Amino acid sequence: MTDANAANAGGDNERRQIPLEQPLFDRVDPEFFNRLVDRFYNGVIADPVLAPLYPADDLDGARERLRMFLVQFWGGPQTYSEQRGHPRLRMRHEPYVIGEAEREAWFRLMASAVNAEVEAGALSEEDEARMLGYFAHSAKFMMNSSE
């Protein structure tokens, strides 16, 4: 194709608008992130590896912070950053020893919560893969111990 032909290939030289992918936040129902976080934390409080890392008197706060972070990360309102500043996830998790056992337990519980949303028909398998990819990466990134 010549340069002249390429310039006219779009007809009248109009710039084609390619729609951006709709954020996950806009594709799921309004209660999606509440259910996801509740399922995750219901697992945490029963998990022998993770339960000791979550102070019982701050579970409601931890739930709300995770929910706000996930909503923001997946394209929703920026409430997390407005209230808490930049996420700085590694810094915020530094006080906790996070080794392979903690990484595996955290990912297992989050994957289970995500899978429950797929089974309920509230999340597509494509979005499940995206979420699990992000969570696998994040769980490994948070590790700060080789134990």
N, C-alpha and C. Protein backbone atom coordinates (compact mmCIF):
# COMPACT_ATOMS: atom_id res chain seq x y z
N MET A 1 0.86 -1.16 0.00
CA MET A 1 0.00 0.00 0.00
C MET A 1 0.90 1.22 0.00
N THR A 2 0.60 2.16 -0.85
CA THR A 2 1.39 3.39 -0.91
C THR A 2 0.97 4.32 0.20
N ASP A 3 1.80 5.34 0.47
CA ASP A 3 1.46 6.31 1.49
C ASP A 3 0.14 7.01 1.18
N ALA A 4 -0.10 7.31 -0.09
CA ALA A 4 -1.34 7.98 -0.46
C ALA A 4 -2.54 7.08 -0.21
N ASN A 5 -2.40 5.80 -0.55
CA ASN A 5 -3.48 4.85 -0.30
C ASN A 5 -3.71 4.65 1.20
N ALA A 6 -2.62 4.59 1.95
CA ALA A 6 -2.74 4.40 3.39
C ALA A 6 -3.46 5.60 4.03
N ALA A 7 -3.16 6.78 3.54
CA ALA A 7 -3.78 7.98 4.09
C ALA A 7 -5.28 8.00 3.84
N ASN A 8 -5.72 7.39 2.75
CA ASN A 8 -7.14 7.40 2.41
C ASN A 8 -7.87 6.13 2.82
N ALA A 9 -7.16 5.18 3.41
CA ALA A 9 -7.77 3.89 3.73
C ALA A 9 -8.91 4.01 4.73
N GLY A 10 -8.90 5.01 5.55
CA GLY A 10 -9.95 5.16 6.54
C GLY A 10 -11.11 5.95 6.02
N GLY A 11 -11.17 6.22 4.75
CA GLY A 11 -12.25 7.01 4.18
C GLY A 11 -12.21 8.43 4.71
N ASP A 12 -12.29 9.41 3.94
CA ASP A 12 -12.31 10.82 4.32
C ASP A 12 -11.27 11.17 5.38
N ASN A 13 -10.27 10.35 5.54
CA ASN A 13 -9.20 10.59 6.50
C ASN A 13 -9.69 10.83 7.92
N GLU A 14 -10.83 10.28 8.26
CA GLU A 14 -11.33 10.43 9.63
C GLU A 14 -10.54 9.50 10.54
N ARG A 15 -10.23 10.00 11.69
CA ARG A 15 -9.53 9.19 12.68
C ARG A 15 -10.53 8.19 13.25
N ARG A 16 -10.16 6.93 13.25
CA ARG A 16 -11.05 5.90 13.80
C ARG A 16 -10.93 5.91 15.32
N GLN A 17 -12.06 5.87 15.95
CA GLN A 17 -12.10 5.83 17.41
C GLN A 17 -12.15 4.38 17.85
N ILE A 18 -11.16 3.98 18.60
CA ILE A 18 -11.12 2.63 19.14
C ILE A 18 -11.59 2.71 20.58
N PRO A 19 -12.72 2.10 20.89
CA PRO A 19 -13.22 2.21 22.27
C PRO A 19 -12.28 1.54 23.25
N LEU A 20 -12.06 2.19 24.36
CA LEU A 20 -11.26 1.59 25.41
C LEU A 20 -12.09 0.52 26.09
N GLU A 21 -11.42 -0.49 26.59
CA GLU A 21 -12.12 -1.54 27.29
C GLU A 21 -12.79 -0.97 28.54
N GLN A 22 -14.00 -1.38 28.75
CA GLN A 22 -14.74 -0.95 29.93
C GLN A 22 -14.07 -1.55 31.17
N PRO A 23 -13.82 -0.75 32.20
CA PRO A 23 -13.18 -1.28 33.41
C PRO A 23 -14.01 -2.39 34.06
N LEU A 24 -13.32 -3.30 34.73
CA LEU A 24 -14.00 -4.38 35.43
C LEU A 24 -15.05 -3.82 36.39
N PHE A 25 -14.73 -2.74 37.08
CA PHE A 25 -15.68 -2.14 38.02
C PHE A 25 -17.03 -1.87 37.36
N ASP A 26 -17.02 -1.45 36.10
CA ASP A 26 -18.25 -1.14 35.38
C ASP A 26 -18.93 -2.39 34.81
N ARG A 27 -18.24 -3.51 34.77
CA ARG A 27 -18.81 -4.73 34.19
C ARG A 27 -19.44 -5.64 35.24
N VAL A 28 -19.12 -5.41 36.50
CA VAL A 28 -19.66 -6.28 37.56
C VAL A 28 -20.78 -5.56 38.29
N ASP A 29 -21.57 -6.32 39.02
CA ASP A 29 -22.68 -5.70 39.75
C ASP A 29 -22.16 -4.91 40.95
N PRO A 30 -22.96 -4.00 41.48
CA PRO A 30 -22.50 -3.10 42.54
C PRO A 30 -22.02 -3.79 43.82
N GLU A 31 -22.47 -4.99 44.07
CA GLU A 31 -22.07 -5.71 45.30
C GLU A 31 -20.89 -6.66 45.10
N PHE A 32 -20.38 -6.73 43.88
CA PHE A 32 -19.31 -7.68 43.56
C PHE A 32 -18.13 -7.60 44.53
N PHE A 33 -17.57 -6.41 44.70
CA PHE A 33 -16.37 -6.28 45.53
C PHE A 33 -16.67 -6.51 47.01
N ASN A 34 -17.88 -6.19 47.45
CA ASN A 34 -18.25 -6.51 48.84
C ASN A 34 -18.26 -8.02 49.06
N ARG A 35 -18.87 -8.74 48.13
CA ARG A 35 -18.92 -10.21 48.25
C ARG A 35 -17.53 -10.81 48.19
N LEU A 36 -16.72 -10.33 47.25
CA LEU A 36 -15.37 -10.86 47.08
C LEU A 36 -14.56 -10.70 48.37
N VAL A 37 -14.57 -9.51 48.92
CA VAL A 37 -13.80 -9.23 50.13
C VAL A 37 -14.36 -9.99 51.33
N ASP A 38 -15.68 -10.07 51.44
CA ASP A 38 -16.28 -10.82 52.55
C ASP A 38 -15.89 -12.29 52.47
N ARG A 39 -15.96 -12.89 51.28
CA ARG A 39 -15.57 -14.30 51.14
C ARG A 39 -14.10 -14.48 51.52
N PHE A 40 -13.27 -13.57 51.04
CA PHE A 40 -11.84 -13.66 51.34
C PHE A 40 -11.61 -13.60 52.86
N TYR A 41 -12.16 -12.62 53.52
CA TYR A 41 -11.93 -12.47 54.96
C TYR A 41 -12.61 -13.55 55.79
N ASN A 42 -13.71 -14.10 55.32
CA ASN A 42 -14.30 -15.25 56.02
C ASN A 42 -13.32 -16.41 56.01
N GLY A 43 -12.56 -16.54 54.94
CA GLY A 43 -11.51 -17.56 54.89
C GLY A 43 -10.32 -17.21 55.76
N VAL A 44 -9.95 -15.94 55.77
CA VAL A 44 -8.80 -15.49 56.56
C VAL A 44 -8.98 -15.81 58.04
N ILE A 45 -10.16 -15.49 58.58
CA ILE A 45 -10.34 -15.66 60.03
C ILE A 45 -10.31 -17.13 60.44
N ALA A 46 -10.51 -18.05 59.50
CA ALA A 46 -10.47 -19.48 59.80
C ALA A 46 -9.13 -20.11 59.40
N ASP A 47 -8.24 -19.34 58.80
CA ASP A 47 -6.99 -19.89 58.28
C ASP A 47 -5.89 -19.83 59.34
N PRO A 48 -5.27 -20.97 59.66
CA PRO A 48 -4.24 -20.98 60.70
C PRO A 48 -2.98 -20.19 60.35
N VAL A 49 -2.71 -19.99 59.08
CA VAL A 49 -1.53 -19.23 58.67
C VAL A 49 -1.82 -17.73 58.66
N LEU A 50 -2.97 -17.34 58.14
CA LEU A 50 -3.26 -15.91 57.98
C LEU A 50 -3.95 -15.26 59.17
N ALA A 51 -4.79 -15.97 59.88
CA ALA A 51 -5.54 -15.36 60.98
C ALA A 51 -4.65 -14.62 61.97
N PRO A 52 -3.49 -15.17 62.34
CA PRO A 52 -2.65 -14.44 63.29
C PRO A 52 -2.10 -13.11 62.77
N LEU A 53 -2.10 -12.91 61.46
CA LEU A 53 -1.58 -11.67 60.87
C LEU A 53 -2.61 -10.54 60.87
N TYR A 54 -3.86 -10.88 61.13
CA TYR A 54 -4.94 -9.89 61.07
C TYR A 54 -5.50 -9.66 62.47
N PRO A 55 -5.21 -8.52 63.07
CA PRO A 55 -5.75 -8.24 64.41
C PRO A 55 -7.28 -8.29 64.40
N ALA A 56 -7.84 -9.03 65.33
CA ALA A 56 -9.30 -9.21 65.39
C ALA A 56 -10.03 -7.88 65.55
N ASP A 57 -9.41 -6.93 66.24
CA ASP A 57 -10.09 -5.65 66.45
C ASP A 57 -10.02 -4.72 65.24
N ASP A 58 -9.35 -5.16 64.15
CA ASP A 58 -9.28 -4.33 62.95
C ASP A 58 -9.76 -5.06 61.71
N LEU A 59 -10.46 -6.17 61.88
CA LEU A 59 -10.93 -6.91 60.70
C LEU A 59 -11.88 -6.08 59.85
N ASP A 60 -12.77 -5.33 60.48
CA ASP A 60 -13.68 -4.49 59.71
C ASP A 60 -12.90 -3.43 58.93
N GLY A 61 -11.89 -2.85 59.55
CA GLY A 61 -11.06 -1.87 58.87
C GLY A 61 -10.28 -2.49 57.72
N ALA A 62 -9.73 -3.68 57.96
CA ALA A 62 -8.98 -4.38 56.90
C ALA A 62 -9.90 -4.70 55.72
N ARG A 63 -11.10 -5.15 56.00
CA ARG A 63 -12.07 -5.44 54.92
C ARG A 63 -12.34 -4.19 54.09
N GLU A 64 -12.59 -3.09 54.78
CA GLU A 64 -12.93 -1.86 54.07
C GLU A 64 -11.75 -1.35 53.25
N ARG A 65 -10.54 -1.42 53.79
CA ARG A 65 -9.37 -0.96 53.04
C ARG A 65 -9.14 -1.81 51.80
N LEU A 66 -9.27 -3.14 51.93
CA LEU A 66 -9.10 -4.01 50.76
C LEU A 66 -10.18 -3.73 49.73
N ARG A 67 -11.42 -3.60 50.19
CA ARG A 67 -12.51 -3.32 49.26
C ARG A 67 -12.26 -2.02 48.50
N MET A 68 -11.90 -0.96 49.22
CA MET A 68 -11.65 0.33 48.55
C MET A 68 -10.49 0.23 47.58
N PHE A 69 -9.43 -0.51 47.97
CA PHE A 69 -8.29 -0.66 47.07
C PHE A 69 -8.69 -1.40 45.80
N LEU A 70 -9.40 -2.52 45.95
CA LEU A 70 -9.78 -3.31 44.78
C LEU A 70 -10.73 -2.53 43.86
N VAL A 71 -11.67 -1.82 44.44
CA VAL A 71 -12.58 -0.99 43.64
C VAL A 71 -11.76 0.00 42.82
N GLN A 72 -10.82 0.67 43.47
CA GLN A 72 -10.00 1.65 42.76
C GLN A 72 -9.13 0.99 41.70
N PHE A 73 -8.46 -0.10 42.06
CA PHE A 73 -7.56 -0.77 41.12
C PHE A 73 -8.29 -1.24 39.88
N TRP A 74 -9.52 -1.72 40.04
CA TRP A 74 -10.27 -2.27 38.92
C TRP A 74 -11.17 -1.24 38.25
N GLY A 75 -10.87 0.04 38.44
CA GLY A 75 -11.51 1.08 37.64
C GLY A 75 -12.62 1.86 38.29
N GLY A 76 -12.84 1.69 39.58
CA GLY A 76 -13.90 2.42 40.27
C GLY A 76 -13.41 3.71 40.89
N PRO A 77 -14.21 4.28 41.78
CA PRO A 77 -13.85 5.54 42.43
C PRO A 77 -12.50 5.46 43.14
N GLN A 78 -11.84 6.58 43.22
CA GLN A 78 -10.49 6.68 43.80
C GLN A 78 -10.52 6.91 45.32
N THR A 79 -11.52 6.39 45.99
CA THR A 79 -11.72 6.62 47.41
C THR A 79 -10.52 6.17 48.24
N TYR A 80 -9.92 5.04 47.88
CA TYR A 80 -8.77 4.56 48.65
C TYR A 80 -7.68 5.62 48.68
N SER A 81 -7.27 6.11 47.54
CA SER A 81 -6.20 7.10 47.48
C SER A 81 -6.61 8.42 48.12
N GLU A 82 -7.87 8.79 47.97
CA GLU A 82 -8.33 10.03 48.58
C GLU A 82 -8.24 9.95 50.11
N GLN A 83 -8.50 8.78 50.68
CA GLN A 83 -8.48 8.63 52.13
C GLN A 83 -7.12 8.24 52.68
N ARG A 84 -6.36 7.46 51.91
CA ARG A 84 -5.13 6.88 52.46
C ARG A 84 -3.87 7.25 51.69
N GLY A 85 -4.00 7.97 50.59
CA GLY A 85 -2.83 8.30 49.78
C GLY A 85 -2.47 7.15 48.87
N HIS A 86 -1.26 7.22 48.31
CA HIS A 86 -0.78 6.18 47.40
C HIS A 86 -0.82 4.83 48.11
N PRO A 87 -1.22 3.76 47.40
CA PRO A 87 -1.34 2.46 48.06
C PRO A 87 -0.06 1.96 48.75
N ARG A 88 1.10 2.16 48.16
CA ARG A 88 2.37 1.72 48.77
C ARG A 88 2.23 0.35 49.44
N LEU A 89 1.81 -0.62 48.66
CA LEU A 89 1.46 -1.92 49.23
C LEU A 89 2.61 -2.60 49.96
N ARG A 90 3.79 -2.59 49.38
CA ARG A 90 4.92 -3.25 50.07
C ARG A 90 5.22 -2.56 51.40
N MET A 91 5.21 -1.25 51.40
CA MET A 91 5.50 -0.52 52.64
C MET A 91 4.44 -0.83 53.71
N ARG A 92 3.19 -0.85 53.31
CA ARG A 92 2.11 -1.09 54.28
C ARG A 92 2.14 -2.51 54.83
N HIS A 93 2.70 -3.45 54.08
CA HIS A 93 2.76 -4.84 54.53
C HIS A 93 4.10 -5.21 55.16
N GLU A 94 5.04 -4.30 55.15
CA GLU A 94 6.38 -4.58 55.67
C GLU A 94 6.40 -5.07 57.13
N PRO A 95 5.53 -4.57 58.01
CA PRO A 95 5.58 -5.05 59.40
C PRO A 95 5.25 -6.54 59.57
N TYR A 96 4.69 -7.16 58.55
CA TYR A 96 4.25 -8.55 58.64
C TYR A 96 5.23 -9.46 57.91
N VAL A 97 5.56 -10.57 58.50
CA VAL A 97 6.41 -11.55 57.83
C VAL A 97 5.55 -12.27 56.79
N ILE A 98 5.94 -12.11 55.54
CA ILE A 98 5.20 -12.74 54.45
C ILE A 98 6.17 -13.62 53.68
N GLY A 99 6.08 -14.91 53.94
CA GLY A 99 6.91 -15.89 53.25
C GLY A 99 6.05 -16.71 52.30
N GLU A 100 6.58 -17.83 51.89
CA GLU A 100 5.87 -18.69 50.93
C GLU A 100 4.55 -19.20 51.49
N ALA A 101 4.53 -19.59 52.76
CA ALA A 101 3.29 -20.11 53.35
C ALA A 101 2.19 -19.05 53.36
N GLU A 102 2.56 -17.83 53.73
CA GLU A 102 1.59 -16.73 53.76
C GLU A 102 1.13 -16.35 52.36
N ARG A 103 2.07 -16.33 51.42
CA ARG A 103 1.72 -16.02 50.03
C ARG A 103 0.74 -17.05 49.50
N GLU A 104 1.05 -18.32 49.72
CA GLU A 104 0.19 -19.40 49.21
C GLU A 104 -1.19 -19.34 49.84
N ALA A 105 -1.25 -19.13 51.14
CA ALA A 105 -2.55 -19.08 51.83
C ALA A 105 -3.38 -17.89 51.35
N TRP A 106 -2.74 -16.73 51.22
CA TRP A 106 -3.44 -15.53 50.77
C TRP A 106 -4.00 -15.74 49.36
N PHE A 107 -3.15 -16.26 48.47
CA PHE A 107 -3.61 -16.46 47.09
C PHE A 107 -4.71 -17.52 47.02
N ARG A 108 -4.56 -18.59 47.78
CA ARG A 108 -5.58 -19.66 47.77
C ARG A 108 -6.95 -19.11 48.18
N LEU A 109 -6.97 -18.29 49.23
CA LEU A 109 -8.24 -17.74 49.70
C LEU A 109 -8.81 -16.72 48.72
N MET A 110 -7.94 -15.89 48.13
CA MET A 110 -8.43 -14.91 47.15
C MET A 110 -8.92 -15.62 45.89
N ALA A 111 -8.19 -16.64 45.45
CA ALA A 111 -8.61 -17.39 44.26
C ALA A 111 -9.96 -18.08 44.51
N SER A 112 -10.15 -18.58 45.71
CA SER A 112 -11.42 -19.21 46.05
C SER A 112 -12.56 -18.19 46.01
N ALA A 113 -12.31 -16.99 46.52
CA ALA A 113 -13.33 -15.94 46.49
C ALA A 113 -13.66 -15.53 45.06
N VAL A 114 -12.64 -15.41 44.23
CA VAL A 114 -12.86 -15.06 42.82
C VAL A 114 -13.63 -16.17 42.12
N ASN A 115 -13.22 -17.42 42.36
CA ASN A 115 -13.90 -18.55 41.72
C ASN A 115 -15.36 -18.64 42.11
N ALA A 116 -15.70 -18.30 43.34
CA ALA A 116 -17.10 -18.31 43.77
C ALA A 116 -17.93 -17.32 42.95
N GLU A 117 -17.33 -16.20 42.58
CA GLU A 117 -18.04 -15.21 41.76
C GLU A 117 -18.24 -15.74 40.34
N VAL A 118 -17.28 -16.50 39.83
CA VAL A 118 -17.43 -17.11 38.50
C VAL A 118 -18.55 -18.15 38.55
N GLU A 119 -18.51 -18.99 39.56
CA GLU A 119 -19.53 -20.03 39.69
C GLU A 119 -20.92 -19.45 39.85
N ALA A 120 -21.03 -18.28 40.47
CA ALA A 120 -22.32 -17.63 40.66
C ALA A 120 -22.77 -16.87 39.41
N GLY A 121 -21.91 -16.84 38.39
CA GLY A 121 -22.24 -16.14 37.16
C GLY A 121 -22.02 -14.63 37.22
N ALA A 122 -21.33 -14.17 38.25
CA ALA A 122 -21.11 -12.73 38.42
C ALA A 122 -19.81 -12.24 37.81
N LEU A 123 -18.97 -13.16 37.31
CA LEU A 123 -17.67 -12.81 36.75
C LEU A 123 -17.36 -13.76 35.61
N SER A 124 -16.87 -13.22 34.51
CA SER A 124 -16.53 -14.06 33.37
C SER A 124 -15.22 -14.79 33.63
N GLU A 125 -15.00 -15.86 32.89
CA GLU A 125 -13.75 -16.60 33.01
C GLU A 125 -12.57 -15.75 32.55
N GLU A 126 -12.79 -14.88 31.58
CA GLU A 126 -11.73 -13.98 31.13
C GLU A 126 -11.34 -13.01 32.25
N ASP A 127 -12.32 -12.45 32.92
CA ASP A 127 -12.03 -11.55 34.04
C ASP A 127 -11.43 -12.31 35.21
N GLU A 128 -11.86 -13.55 35.41
CA GLU A 128 -11.26 -14.38 36.45
C GLU A 128 -9.76 -14.52 36.18
N ALA A 129 -9.40 -14.82 34.95
CA ALA A 129 -7.98 -14.99 34.61
C ALA A 129 -7.20 -13.70 34.86
N ARG A 130 -7.78 -12.56 34.51
CA ARG A 130 -7.11 -11.28 34.76
C ARG A 130 -6.92 -11.05 36.25
N MET A 131 -7.97 -11.28 37.01
CA MET A 131 -7.87 -11.05 38.45
C MET A 131 -6.86 -11.99 39.09
N LEU A 132 -6.91 -13.26 38.73
CA LEU A 132 -5.99 -14.22 39.32
C LEU A 132 -4.55 -13.92 38.92
N GLY A 133 -4.34 -13.46 37.70
CA GLY A 133 -2.99 -13.05 37.29
C GLY A 133 -2.48 -11.91 38.14
N TYR A 134 -3.33 -10.92 38.36
CA TYR A 134 -2.94 -9.79 39.20
C TYR A 134 -2.67 -10.25 40.64
N PHE A 135 -3.57 -11.06 41.19
CA PHE A 135 -3.41 -11.50 42.58
C PHE A 135 -2.18 -12.38 42.75
N ALA A 136 -1.88 -13.23 41.79
CA ALA A 136 -0.68 -14.07 41.88
C ALA A 136 0.57 -13.20 41.90
N HIS A 137 0.61 -12.22 41.01
CA HIS A 137 1.75 -11.30 40.96
C HIS A 137 1.87 -10.51 42.26
N SER A 138 0.76 -9.98 42.74
CA SER A 138 0.77 -9.16 43.95
C SER A 138 1.19 -9.97 45.17
N ALA A 139 0.68 -11.18 45.28
CA ALA A 139 1.03 -12.03 46.43
C ALA A 139 2.53 -12.30 46.45
N LYS A 140 3.09 -12.55 45.30
CA LYS A 140 4.54 -12.79 45.24
C LYS A 140 5.31 -11.51 45.54
N PHE A 141 4.83 -10.39 45.04
CA PHE A 141 5.47 -9.08 45.26
C PHE A 141 5.51 -8.71 46.74
N MET A 142 4.52 -9.14 47.51
CA MET A 142 4.45 -8.79 48.93
C MET A 142 5.41 -9.60 49.78
N MET A 143 5.95 -10.67 49.24
CA MET A 143 6.83 -11.50 50.04
C MET A 143 8.04 -10.71 50.52
N ASN A 144 8.34 -10.86 51.80
CA ASN A 144 9.49 -10.16 52.37
C ASN A 144 10.33 -11.09 53.24
N SER A 145 10.09 -12.39 53.12
CA SER A 145 10.81 -13.38 53.88
C SER A 145 10.97 -14.63 53.03
N SER A 146 12.10 -15.30 53.18
CA SER A 146 12.32 -16.54 52.43
C SER A 146 11.82 -17.76 53.19
N GLU A 147 11.26 -17.54 54.36
CA GLU A 147 10.73 -18.65 55.18
C GLU A 147 9.38 -19.10 54.70
